[in-house]
Each structure stands twice: as C-alpha cells, then as structure tokens.
Amino acid sequence: MMGPMDGAHSILLIRHAKAGSRSTWDGDDDSQRPLTPKGQRQAEALAARWHDRVTAVQSSPFLRCVETITPLAARVGVEIEVV
C-alpha cells in the first residue's frame, strides 16, 4: 500500500552563496560576479549537507549560482542543467 508521499519528489531551492560586493564589482553583475572565499566554503558545506538527497541539479546561468551548486553536482555525479 502506498502512502501519500510515496513517489513524491522534493525541490530544494537555494539562493547563491556569498558573492562579491555588488557595489565594488567592476564586471557584469548579472552574469560574472563570482563567489567570495566564504561563498566557496558555503558551497562546499551545501554539498556535504545535501548530496545524499539530490538526484538532479539545475542552476541559473549566473556565475555565482553555478559556482554555488558545482560542488554539489560534482559530489552527486551529475551535470548541472543551466536553465
């Protein structure tokens, strides 16, 4: 007998990790502002916390978003689908 959550899927929505300051960034903010070292540590922690619950990874094309999710995708062994 199946319960109400059998076969259900969850979506984990993540805002990007700590990125460089928008006010001091000289490049294209929308697509090229990278993570700070703190943001890189946050991305690694995210991968450690959620790797066993993730089967697919999607990301905004913005660099800071892709950088946030890259360690998770690598740990899970999936490609990032940029949407």
N, C-alpha and C. Protein backbone atom coordinates (compact mmCIF):
# COMPACT_ATOMS: atom_id res chain seq x y z
N MET A 1 0.84 -1.17 0.00
CA MET A 1 0.00 0.00 0.00
C MET A 1 0.89 1.24 0.00
N MET A 2 0.59 2.20 -0.86
CA MET A 2 1.40 3.41 -0.97
C MET A 2 0.83 4.50 -0.06
N GLY A 3 1.75 5.23 0.57
CA GLY A 3 1.34 6.35 1.40
C GLY A 3 1.30 7.62 0.58
N PRO A 4 0.89 8.74 1.18
CA PRO A 4 0.74 9.99 0.44
C PRO A 4 2.04 10.57 -0.12
N MET A 5 3.19 10.18 0.42
CA MET A 5 4.46 10.74 -0.05
C MET A 5 5.23 9.76 -0.92
N ASP A 6 4.74 8.53 -1.09
CA ASP A 6 5.43 7.57 -1.94
C ASP A 6 5.47 8.08 -3.37
N GLY A 7 6.64 8.07 -3.96
CA GLY A 7 6.78 8.53 -5.33
C GLY A 7 6.84 10.04 -5.46
N ALA A 8 6.75 10.76 -4.35
CA ALA A 8 6.79 12.22 -4.40
C ALA A 8 8.24 12.69 -4.56
N HIS A 9 8.38 13.85 -5.14
CA HIS A 9 9.69 14.46 -5.32
C HIS A 9 9.73 15.77 -4.56
N SER A 10 10.89 16.12 -4.07
CA SER A 10 11.09 17.40 -3.41
C SER A 10 11.98 18.28 -4.26
N ILE A 11 11.80 19.56 -4.14
CA ILE A 11 12.66 20.54 -4.81
C ILE A 11 13.34 21.36 -3.73
N LEU A 12 14.64 21.42 -3.81
CA LEU A 12 15.44 22.22 -2.90
C LEU A 12 15.82 23.50 -3.64
N LEU A 13 15.32 24.62 -3.19
CA LEU A 13 15.60 25.91 -3.83
C LEU A 13 16.66 26.63 -3.01
N ILE A 14 17.76 26.95 -3.65
CA ILE A 14 18.91 27.54 -2.95
C ILE A 14 19.26 28.87 -3.57
N ARG A 15 19.38 29.88 -2.74
CA ARG A 15 19.91 31.17 -3.20
C ARG A 15 21.42 31.03 -3.27
N HIS A 16 22.06 31.75 -4.15
CA HIS A 16 23.51 31.63 -4.28
C HIS A 16 24.22 31.94 -2.97
N ALA A 17 25.39 31.36 -2.82
CA ALA A 17 26.22 31.60 -1.65
C ALA A 17 26.78 33.03 -1.72
N LYS A 18 27.55 33.39 -0.72
CA LYS A 18 28.10 34.75 -0.61
C LYS A 18 28.94 35.10 -1.83
N ALA A 19 28.51 36.14 -2.52
CA ALA A 19 29.23 36.63 -3.69
C ALA A 19 29.92 37.95 -3.34
N GLY A 20 30.82 38.37 -4.21
CA GLY A 20 31.49 39.64 -4.00
C GLY A 20 30.49 40.79 -3.95
N SER A 21 30.89 41.87 -3.36
CA SER A 21 30.02 43.03 -3.20
C SER A 21 29.60 43.60 -4.55
N ARG A 22 28.32 43.78 -4.72
CA ARG A 22 27.78 44.34 -5.96
C ARG A 22 28.33 45.75 -6.19
N SER A 23 28.47 46.52 -5.11
CA SER A 23 28.90 47.92 -5.26
C SER A 23 30.37 48.05 -5.65
N THR A 24 31.18 47.06 -5.34
CA THR A 24 32.60 47.15 -5.70
C THR A 24 32.96 46.29 -6.90
N TRP A 25 32.00 45.51 -7.41
CA TRP A 25 32.26 44.66 -8.56
C TRP A 25 32.29 45.51 -9.81
N ASP A 26 33.31 45.35 -10.64
CA ASP A 26 33.50 46.18 -11.82
C ASP A 26 33.01 45.51 -13.11
N GLY A 27 32.71 44.22 -13.03
CA GLY A 27 32.29 43.49 -14.23
C GLY A 27 30.78 43.44 -14.36
N ASP A 28 30.33 42.56 -15.24
CA ASP A 28 28.90 42.35 -15.46
C ASP A 28 28.32 41.66 -14.23
N ASP A 29 27.53 42.39 -13.47
CA ASP A 29 26.99 41.86 -12.22
C ASP A 29 26.06 40.69 -12.45
N ASP A 30 25.23 40.77 -13.47
CA ASP A 30 24.23 39.73 -13.68
C ASP A 30 24.85 38.36 -13.94
N SER A 31 25.91 38.32 -14.70
CA SER A 31 26.40 37.01 -15.10
C SER A 31 27.80 36.66 -14.62
N GLN A 32 28.59 37.61 -14.16
CA GLN A 32 30.00 37.30 -13.91
C GLN A 32 30.50 37.54 -12.48
N ARG A 33 29.67 38.03 -11.57
CA ARG A 33 30.15 38.27 -10.20
C ARG A 33 30.34 36.93 -9.49
N PRO A 34 31.57 36.61 -9.07
CA PRO A 34 31.86 35.29 -8.50
C PRO A 34 31.61 35.22 -7.00
N LEU A 35 31.71 34.01 -6.49
CA LEU A 35 31.63 33.80 -5.04
C LEU A 35 32.90 34.31 -4.37
N THR A 36 32.75 34.70 -3.13
CA THR A 36 33.90 35.04 -2.29
C THR A 36 34.45 33.73 -1.71
N PRO A 37 35.61 33.79 -1.05
CA PRO A 37 36.09 32.57 -0.37
C PRO A 37 35.05 32.03 0.63
N LYS A 38 34.36 32.93 1.33
CA LYS A 38 33.31 32.48 2.24
C LYS A 38 32.20 31.76 1.46
N GLY A 39 31.82 32.31 0.32
CA GLY A 39 30.81 31.68 -0.52
C GLY A 39 31.25 30.32 -1.01
N GLN A 40 32.53 30.17 -1.32
CA GLN A 40 33.04 28.86 -1.75
C GLN A 40 32.95 27.85 -0.62
N ARG A 41 33.21 28.29 0.60
CA ARG A 41 33.07 27.39 1.76
C ARG A 41 31.60 27.03 1.97
N GLN A 42 30.71 28.00 1.77
CA GLN A 42 29.28 27.73 1.89
C GLN A 42 28.84 26.70 0.84
N ALA A 43 29.35 26.81 -0.37
CA ALA A 43 29.01 25.87 -1.43
C ALA A 43 29.48 24.45 -1.08
N GLU A 44 30.66 24.35 -0.52
CA GLU A 44 31.17 23.04 -0.09
C GLU A 44 30.31 22.47 1.04
N ALA A 45 29.91 23.31 1.97
CA ALA A 45 29.05 22.86 3.08
C ALA A 45 27.69 22.40 2.56
N LEU A 46 27.18 23.10 1.58
CA LEU A 46 25.91 22.73 0.95
C LEU A 46 26.02 21.32 0.35
N ALA A 47 27.11 21.07 -0.34
CA ALA A 47 27.32 19.74 -0.94
C ALA A 47 27.40 18.66 0.13
N ALA A 48 28.09 18.95 1.21
CA ALA A 48 28.21 17.96 2.29
C ALA A 48 26.86 17.68 2.94
N ARG A 49 26.03 18.69 3.05
CA ARG A 49 24.73 18.55 3.72
C ARG A 49 23.68 17.86 2.87
N TRP A 50 23.65 18.12 1.57
CA TRP A 50 22.53 17.68 0.74
C TRP A 50 22.86 16.60 -0.30
N HIS A 51 24.11 16.17 -0.42
CA HIS A 51 24.48 15.26 -1.50
C HIS A 51 23.69 13.96 -1.54
N ASP A 52 23.25 13.48 -0.40
CA ASP A 52 22.55 12.20 -0.39
C ASP A 52 21.06 12.31 -0.68
N ARG A 53 20.58 13.52 -0.93
CA ARG A 53 19.16 13.73 -1.22
C ARG A 53 18.91 14.30 -2.61
N VAL A 54 19.97 14.49 -3.37
CA VAL A 54 19.85 15.16 -4.66
C VAL A 54 20.08 14.16 -5.80
N THR A 55 19.23 14.24 -6.82
CA THR A 55 19.39 13.38 -7.99
C THR A 55 19.56 14.18 -9.28
N ALA A 56 19.26 15.47 -9.24
CA ALA A 56 19.42 16.34 -10.41
C ALA A 56 19.71 17.75 -9.91
N VAL A 57 20.44 18.51 -10.72
CA VAL A 57 20.82 19.87 -10.33
C VAL A 57 20.56 20.82 -11.50
N GLN A 58 19.85 21.90 -11.20
CA GLN A 58 19.62 22.96 -12.18
C GLN A 58 20.12 24.26 -11.58
N SER A 59 20.51 25.18 -12.44
CA SER A 59 21.02 26.47 -11.97
C SER A 59 20.72 27.58 -12.97
N SER A 60 20.62 28.76 -12.44
CA SER A 60 20.64 29.97 -13.26
C SER A 60 22.00 30.01 -13.96
N PRO A 61 22.10 30.69 -15.08
CA PRO A 61 23.40 30.78 -15.74
C PRO A 61 24.37 31.75 -15.04
N PHE A 62 23.91 32.52 -14.07
CA PHE A 62 24.80 33.48 -13.40
C PHE A 62 25.94 32.73 -12.73
N LEU A 63 27.15 33.24 -12.88
CA LEU A 63 28.35 32.58 -12.37
C LEU A 63 28.23 32.24 -10.90
N ARG A 64 27.77 33.17 -10.08
CA ARG A 64 27.69 32.92 -8.64
C ARG A 64 26.74 31.77 -8.32
N CYS A 65 25.71 31.58 -9.13
CA CYS A 65 24.75 30.49 -8.93
C CYS A 65 25.38 29.15 -9.32
N VAL A 66 26.03 29.13 -10.46
CA VAL A 66 26.70 27.90 -10.93
C VAL A 66 27.80 27.52 -9.94
N GLU A 67 28.58 28.49 -9.48
CA GLU A 67 29.65 28.19 -8.52
C GLU A 67 29.09 27.64 -7.21
N THR A 68 27.92 28.11 -6.81
CA THR A 68 27.30 27.64 -5.57
C THR A 68 26.94 26.17 -5.66
N ILE A 69 26.48 25.73 -6.79
CA ILE A 69 25.94 24.38 -6.94
C ILE A 69 26.95 23.38 -7.52
N THR A 70 28.08 23.85 -8.02
CA THR A 70 29.08 22.97 -8.62
C THR A 70 29.59 21.89 -7.67
N PRO A 71 29.95 22.20 -6.42
CA PRO A 71 30.42 21.12 -5.54
C PRO A 71 29.35 20.05 -5.29
N LEU A 72 28.10 20.46 -5.20
CA LEU A 72 27.01 19.50 -5.00
C LEU A 72 26.86 18.60 -6.22
N ALA A 73 26.82 19.18 -7.39
CA ALA A 73 26.69 18.39 -8.62
C ALA A 73 27.86 17.42 -8.76
N ALA A 74 29.07 17.88 -8.45
CA ALA A 74 30.25 17.01 -8.55
C ALA A 74 30.15 15.85 -7.56
N ARG A 75 29.72 16.15 -6.37
CA ARG A 75 29.62 15.11 -5.34
C ARG A 75 28.55 14.07 -5.68
N VAL A 76 27.46 14.53 -6.29
CA VAL A 76 26.38 13.63 -6.67
C VAL A 76 26.73 12.90 -7.97
N GLY A 77 27.59 13.51 -8.79
CA GLY A 77 27.98 12.89 -10.06
C GLY A 77 27.01 13.19 -11.18
N VAL A 78 26.44 14.40 -11.17
CA VAL A 78 25.52 14.81 -12.23
C VAL A 78 25.99 16.10 -12.87
N GLU A 79 25.55 16.33 -14.08
CA GLU A 79 25.82 17.58 -14.77
C GLU A 79 24.84 18.64 -14.28
N ILE A 80 25.28 19.88 -14.27
CA ILE A 80 24.38 20.99 -13.93
C ILE A 80 23.59 21.35 -15.19
N GLU A 81 22.28 21.36 -15.05
CA GLU A 81 21.43 21.82 -16.15
C GLU A 81 21.20 23.31 -15.96
N VAL A 82 21.75 24.11 -16.86
CA VAL A 82 21.60 25.56 -16.76
C VAL A 82 20.28 25.94 -17.42
N VAL A 83 19.42 26.58 -16.64
CA VAL A 83 18.10 26.97 -17.15
C VAL A 83 17.88 28.46 -16.94
